[in-house]
Amino acid sequence: MMRTEWGAALVSSVLANVNRSKNTPAFSIADFAPHIDAVEREAVNEPISLQEAMRTWG
């Protein structure tokens, strides 16, 4: 997935969540990024540890 797509999806999800009604479930970034595969969709909503993040950086 492209970094620009992720950024646009983040902005879109924030705008959608700010303007949603109380009865509407919250939107996630994956709702606005069609190129995220199923594994990444699950990972979007789950925090990772600092060690896992550092492993992906290097």
PDB file of N, CA and C in Angstrom:
ATOM      1  N   MET A   1       0.846  -1.172   0.000  1.00  0.00           N
ATOM      2  CA  MET A   1       0.000   0.000   0.000  1.00  0.00           C
ATOM      3  C   MET A   1       0.892   1.237   0.000  1.00  0.00           C
ATOM      4  N   MET A   2       0.438   2.242  -0.680  1.00  0.00           N
ATOM      5  CA  MET A   2       1.215   3.467  -0.792  1.00  0.00           C
ATOM      6  C   MET A   2       1.012   4.355   0.427  1.00  0.00           C
ATOM      7  N   ARG A   3       2.045   5.068   0.780  1.00  0.00           N
ATOM      8  CA  ARG A   3       1.994   5.959   1.927  1.00  0.00           C
ATOM      9  C   ARG A   3       0.959   7.063   1.737  1.00  0.00           C
ATOM     10  N   THR A   4       0.807   7.543   0.506  1.00  0.00           N
ATOM     11  CA  THR A   4      -0.175   8.601   0.252  1.00  0.00           C
ATOM     12  C   THR A   4      -1.596   8.086   0.437  1.00  0.00           C
ATOM     13  N   GLU A   5      -1.827   6.830   0.058  1.00  0.00           N
ATOM     14  CA  GLU A   5      -3.150   6.249   0.260  1.00  0.00           C
ATOM     15  C   GLU A   5      -3.458   6.145   1.753  1.00  0.00           C
ATOM     16  N   TRP A   6      -2.472   5.755   2.534  1.00  0.00           N
ATOM     17  CA  TRP A   6      -2.657   5.641   3.978  1.00  0.00           C
ATOM     18  C   TRP A   6      -2.989   7.004   4.581  1.00  0.00           C
ATOM     19  N   GLY A   7      -2.285   8.039   4.171  1.00  0.00           N
ATOM     20  CA  GLY A   7      -2.543   9.384   4.684  1.00  0.00           C
ATOM     21  C   GLY A   7      -3.918   9.891   4.319  1.00  0.00           C
ATOM     22  N   ALA A   8      -4.323   9.666   3.082  1.00  0.00           N
ATOM     23  CA  ALA A   8      -5.655  10.092   2.645  1.00  0.00           C
ATOM     24  C   ALA A   8      -6.738   9.319   3.385  1.00  0.00           C
ATOM     25  N   ALA A   9      -6.506   8.041   3.616  1.00  0.00           N
ATOM     26  CA  ALA A   9      -7.475   7.222   4.353  1.00  0.00           C
ATOM     27  C   ALA A   9      -7.578   7.680   5.803  1.00  0.00           C
ATOM     28  N   LEU A  10      -6.464   8.080   6.388  1.00  0.00           N
ATOM     29  CA  LEU A  10      -6.472   8.575   7.767  1.00  0.00           C
ATOM     30  C   LEU A  10      -7.300   9.851   7.874  1.00  0.00           C
ATOM     31  N   VAL A  11      -7.060  10.790   6.984  1.00  0.00           N
ATOM     32  CA  VAL A  11      -7.814  12.049   6.988  1.00  0.00           C
ATOM     33  C   VAL A  11      -9.300  11.772   6.754  1.00  0.00           C
ATOM     34  N   SER A  12      -9.605  10.901   5.824  1.00  0.00           N
ATOM     35  CA  SER A  12     -10.998  10.569   5.528  1.00  0.00           C
ATOM     36  C   SER A  12     -11.696   9.939   6.722  1.00  0.00           C
ATOM     37  N   SER A  13     -11.015   9.035   7.410  1.00  0.00           N
ATOM     38  CA  SER A  13     -11.638   8.383   8.567  1.00  0.00           C
ATOM     39  C   SER A  13     -11.868   9.367   9.706  1.00  0.00           C
ATOM     40  N   VAL A  14     -10.939  10.292   9.906  1.00  0.00           N
ATOM     41  CA  VAL A  14     -11.118  11.306  10.952  1.00  0.00           C
ATOM     42  C   VAL A  14     -12.314  12.195  10.627  1.00  0.00           C
ATOM     43  N   LEU A  15     -12.409  12.653   9.394  1.00  0.00           N
ATOM     44  CA  LEU A  15     -13.540  13.497   8.999  1.00  0.00           C
ATOM     45  C   LEU A  15     -14.867  12.748   9.120  1.00  0.00           C
ATOM     46  N   ALA A  16     -14.876  11.492   8.723  1.00  0.00           N
ATOM     47  CA  ALA A  16     -16.104  10.702   8.819  1.00  0.00           C
ATOM     48  C   ALA A  16     -16.504  10.482  10.274  1.00  0.00           C
ATOM     49  N   ASN A  17     -15.532  10.240  11.147  1.00  0.00           N
ATOM     50  CA  ASN A  17     -15.843  10.015  12.561  1.00  0.00           C
ATOM     51  C   ASN A  17     -16.292  11.289  13.260  1.00  0.00           C
ATOM     52  N   VAL A  18     -15.752  12.416  12.870  1.00  0.00           N
ATOM     53  CA  VAL A  18     -16.174  13.687  13.471  1.00  0.00           C
ATOM     54  C   VAL A  18     -17.620  14.001  13.104  1.00  0.00           C
ATOM     55  N   ASN A  19     -18.017  13.641  11.897  1.00  0.00           N
ATOM     56  CA  ASN A  19     -19.344  13.996  11.398  1.00  0.00           C
ATOM     57  C   ASN A  19     -20.373  12.868  11.493  1.00  0.00           C
ATOM     58  N   ARG A  20     -20.041  11.758  12.128  1.00  0.00           N
ATOM     59  CA  ARG A  20     -21.001  10.655  12.229  1.00  0.00           C
ATOM     60  C   ARG A  20     -21.965  10.895  13.385  1.00  0.00           C
ATOM     61  N   SER A  21     -23.100  10.235  13.330  1.00  0.00           N
ATOM     62  CA  SER A  21     -24.071  10.358  14.421  1.00  0.00           C
ATOM     63  C   SER A  21     -23.671   9.423  15.564  1.00  0.00           C
ATOM     64  N   LYS A  22     -24.314   9.578  16.690  1.00  0.00           N
ATOM     65  CA  LYS A  22     -23.969   8.770  17.859  1.00  0.00           C
ATOM     66  C   LYS A  22     -24.287   7.286  17.653  1.00  0.00           C
ATOM     67  N   ASN A  23     -25.255   6.993  16.820  1.00  0.00           N
ATOM     68  CA  ASN A  23     -25.661   5.603  16.603  1.00  0.00           C
ATOM     69  C   ASN A  23     -24.858   4.902  15.515  1.00  0.00           C
ATOM     70  N   THR A  24     -24.044   5.627  14.789  1.00  0.00           N
ATOM     71  CA  THR A  24     -23.240   5.050  13.716  1.00  0.00           C
ATOM     72  C   THR A  24     -21.934   4.505  14.293  1.00  0.00           C
ATOM     73  N   PRO A  25     -21.545   3.287  13.922  1.00  0.00           N
ATOM     74  CA  PRO A  25     -20.260   2.758  14.416  1.00  0.00           C
ATOM     75  C   PRO A  25     -19.088   3.561  13.851  1.00  0.00           C
ATOM     76  N   ALA A  26     -18.000   3.573  14.592  1.00  0.00           N
ATOM     77  CA  ALA A  26     -16.816   4.334  14.179  1.00  0.00           C
ATOM     78  C   ALA A  26     -16.201   3.745  12.912  1.00  0.00           C
ATOM     79  N   PHE A  27     -15.661   4.623  12.084  1.00  0.00           N
ATOM     80  CA  PHE A  27     -14.969   4.212  10.867  1.00  0.00           C
ATOM     81  C   PHE A  27     -13.506   3.951  11.187  1.00  0.00           C
ATOM     82  N   SER A  28     -12.878   3.059  10.435  1.00  0.00           N
ATOM     83  CA  SER A  28     -11.447   2.816  10.584  1.00  0.00           C
ATOM     84  C   SER A  28     -10.727   3.263   9.317  1.00  0.00           C
ATOM     85  N   ILE A  29      -9.428   3.307   9.385  1.00  0.00           N
ATOM     86  CA  ILE A  29      -8.629   3.693   8.221  1.00  0.00           C
ATOM     87  C   ILE A  29      -8.844   2.702   7.080  1.00  0.00           C
ATOM     88  N   ALA A  30      -9.004   1.443   7.422  1.00  0.00           N
ATOM     89  CA  ALA A  30      -9.192   0.401   6.404  1.00  0.00           C
ATOM     90  C   ALA A  30     -10.482   0.587   5.606  1.00  0.00           C
ATOM     91  N   ASP A  31     -11.456   1.288   6.160  1.00  0.00           N
ATOM     92  CA  ASP A  31     -12.697   1.549   5.430  1.00  0.00           C
ATOM     93  C   ASP A  31     -12.476   2.466   4.232  1.00  0.00           C
ATOM     94  N   PHE A  32     -11.407   3.247   4.243  1.00  0.00           N
ATOM     95  CA  PHE A  32     -11.155   4.230   3.189  1.00  0.00           C
ATOM     96  C   PHE A  32      -9.919   3.915   2.353  1.00  0.00           C
ATOM     97  N   ALA A  33      -9.291   2.784   2.585  1.00  0.00           N
ATOM     98  CA  ALA A  33      -8.110   2.382   1.814  1.00  0.00           C
ATOM     99  C   ALA A  33      -8.384   1.029   1.165  1.00  0.00           C
ATOM    100  N   PRO A  34      -8.843   1.017  -0.072  1.00  0.00           N
ATOM    101  CA  PRO A  34      -9.239  -0.239  -0.709  1.00  0.00           C
ATOM    102  C   PRO A  34      -8.090  -1.206  -0.982  1.00  0.00           C
ATOM    103  N   HIS A  35      -6.854  -0.756  -0.947  1.00  0.00           N
ATOM    104  CA  HIS A  35      -5.743  -1.641  -1.262  1.00  0.00           C
ATOM    105  C   HIS A  35      -5.121  -2.315  -0.048  1.00  0.00           C
ATOM    106  N   ILE A  36      -5.714  -2.120   1.113  1.00  0.00           N
ATOM    107  CA  ILE A  36      -5.230  -2.823   2.302  1.00  0.00           C
ATOM    108  C   ILE A  36      -5.768  -4.251   2.232  1.00  0.00           C
ATOM    109  N   ASP A  37      -4.892  -5.234   2.362  1.00  0.00           N
ATOM    110  CA  ASP A  37      -5.371  -6.615   2.320  1.00  0.00           C
ATOM    111  C   ASP A  37      -5.928  -7.019   3.690  1.00  0.00           C
ATOM    112  N   ALA A  38      -6.465  -8.210   3.803  1.00  0.00           N
ATOM    113  CA  ALA A  38      -7.161  -8.654   5.016  1.00  0.00           C
ATOM    114  C   ALA A  38      -6.249  -8.668   6.238  1.00  0.00           C
ATOM    115  N   VAL A  39      -4.997  -9.051   6.073  1.00  0.00           N
ATOM    116  CA  VAL A  39      -4.063  -9.090   7.204  1.00  0.00           C
ATOM    117  C   VAL A  39      -3.814  -7.684   7.731  1.00  0.00           C
ATOM    118  N   GLU A  40      -3.602  -6.741   6.830  1.00  0.00           N
ATOM    119  CA  GLU A  40      -3.362  -5.369   7.255  1.00  0.00           C
ATOM    120  C   GLU A  40      -4.608  -4.756   7.869  1.00  0.00           C
ATOM    121  N   ARG A  41      -5.799  -5.138   7.419  1.00  0.00           N
ATOM    122  CA  ARG A  41      -7.042  -4.613   7.991  1.00  0.00           C
ATOM    123  C   ARG A  41      -7.138  -4.955   9.473  1.00  0.00           C
ATOM    124  N   GLU A  42      -6.761  -6.175   9.834  1.00  0.00           N
ATOM    125  CA  GLU A  42      -6.792  -6.569  11.241  1.00  0.00           C
ATOM    126  C   GLU A  42      -5.711  -5.852  12.029  1.00  0.00           C
ATOM    127  N   ALA A  43      -4.549  -5.671  11.435  1.00  0.00           N
ATOM    128  CA  ALA A  43      -3.437  -5.032  12.123  1.00  0.00           C
ATOM    129  C   ALA A  43      -3.675  -3.549  12.351  1.00  0.00           C
ATOM    130  N   VAL A  44      -4.507  -2.916  11.546  1.00  0.00           N
ATOM    131  CA  VAL A  44      -4.779  -1.487  11.693  1.00  0.00           C
ATOM    132  C   VAL A  44      -5.388  -1.191  13.059  1.00  0.00           C
ATOM    133  N   ASN A  45      -6.221  -2.085  13.546  1.00  0.00           N
ATOM    134  CA  ASN A  45      -6.934  -1.841  14.786  1.00  0.00           C
ATOM    135  C   ASN A  45      -6.254  -2.413  16.016  1.00  0.00           C
ATOM    136  N   GLU A  46      -5.128  -3.078  15.853  1.00  0.00           N
ATOM    137  CA  GLU A  46      -4.430  -3.689  16.972  1.00  0.00           C
ATOM    138  C   GLU A  46      -3.096  -3.001  17.207  1.00  0.00           C
ATOM    139  N   PRO A  47      -2.830  -2.576  18.454  1.00  0.00           N
ATOM    140  CA  PRO A  47      -1.531  -1.958  18.740  1.00  0.00           C
ATOM    141  C   PRO A  47      -0.421  -3.001  18.699  1.00  0.00           C
ATOM    142  N   ILE A  48       0.799  -2.557  18.402  1.00  0.00           N
ATOM    143  CA  ILE A  48       1.941  -3.449  18.416  1.00  0.00           C
ATOM    144  C   ILE A  48       2.913  -2.982  19.489  1.00  0.00           C
ATOM    145  N   SER A  49       3.801  -3.869  19.890  1.00  0.00           N
ATOM    146  CA  SER A  49       4.771  -3.523  20.926  1.00  0.00           C
ATOM    147  C   SER A  49       5.893  -2.668  20.339  1.00  0.00           C
ATOM    148  N   LEU A  50       6.639  -2.026  21.191  1.00  0.00           N
ATOM    149  CA  LEU A  50       7.762  -1.205  20.761  1.00  0.00           C
ATOM    150  C   LEU A  50       8.812  -2.059  20.046  1.00  0.00           C
ATOM    151  N   GLN A  51       9.051  -3.274  20.532  1.00  0.00           N
ATOM    152  CA  GLN A  51      10.026  -4.158  19.909  1.00  0.00           C
ATOM    153  C   GLN A  51       9.593  -4.545  18.492  1.00  0.00           C
ATOM    154  N   GLU A  52       8.302  -4.809  18.299  1.00  0.00           N
ATOM    155  CA  GLU A  52       7.819  -5.131  16.959  1.00  0.00           C
ATOM    156  C   GLU A  52       7.968  -3.942  16.018  1.00  0.00           C
ATOM    157  N   ALA A  53       7.681  -2.757  16.502  1.00  0.00           N
ATOM    158  CA  ALA A  53       7.816  -1.562  15.675  1.00  0.00           C
ATOM    159  C   ALA A  53       9.273  -1.338  15.289  1.00  0.00           C
ATOM    160  N   MET A  54      10.178  -1.496  16.230  1.00  0.00           N
ATOM    161  CA  MET A  54      11.604  -1.287  15.954  1.00  0.00           C
ATOM    162  C   MET A  54      12.119  -2.331  14.958  1.00  0.00           C
ATOM    163  N   ARG A  55      11.594  -3.529  15.010  1.00  0.00           N
ATOM    164  CA  ARG A  55      12.004  -4.593  14.082  1.00  0.00           C
ATOM    165  C   ARG A  55      11.599  -4.228  12.652  1.00  0.00           C
ATOM    166  N   THR A  56      10.456  -3.591  12.472  1.00  0.00           N
ATOM    167  CA  THR A  56      10.009  -3.222  11.134  1.00  0.00           C
ATOM    168  C   THR A  56      10.722  -1.986  10.599  1.00  0.00           C
ATOM    169  N   TRP A  57      11.290  -1.180  11.468  1.00  0.00           N
ATOM    170  CA  TRP A  57      11.975   0.046  11.036  1.00  0.00           C
ATOM    171  C   TRP A  57      13.311  -0.261  10.380  1.00  0.00           C
ATOM    172  N   GLY A  58      13.967  -1.311  10.836  1.00  0.00           N
ATOM    173  CA  GLY A  58      15.338  -1.531  10.412  1.00  0.00           C
ATOM    174  C   GLY A  58      15.484  -2.499   9.340  1.00  0.00           C
TER     175      GLY A  58
END
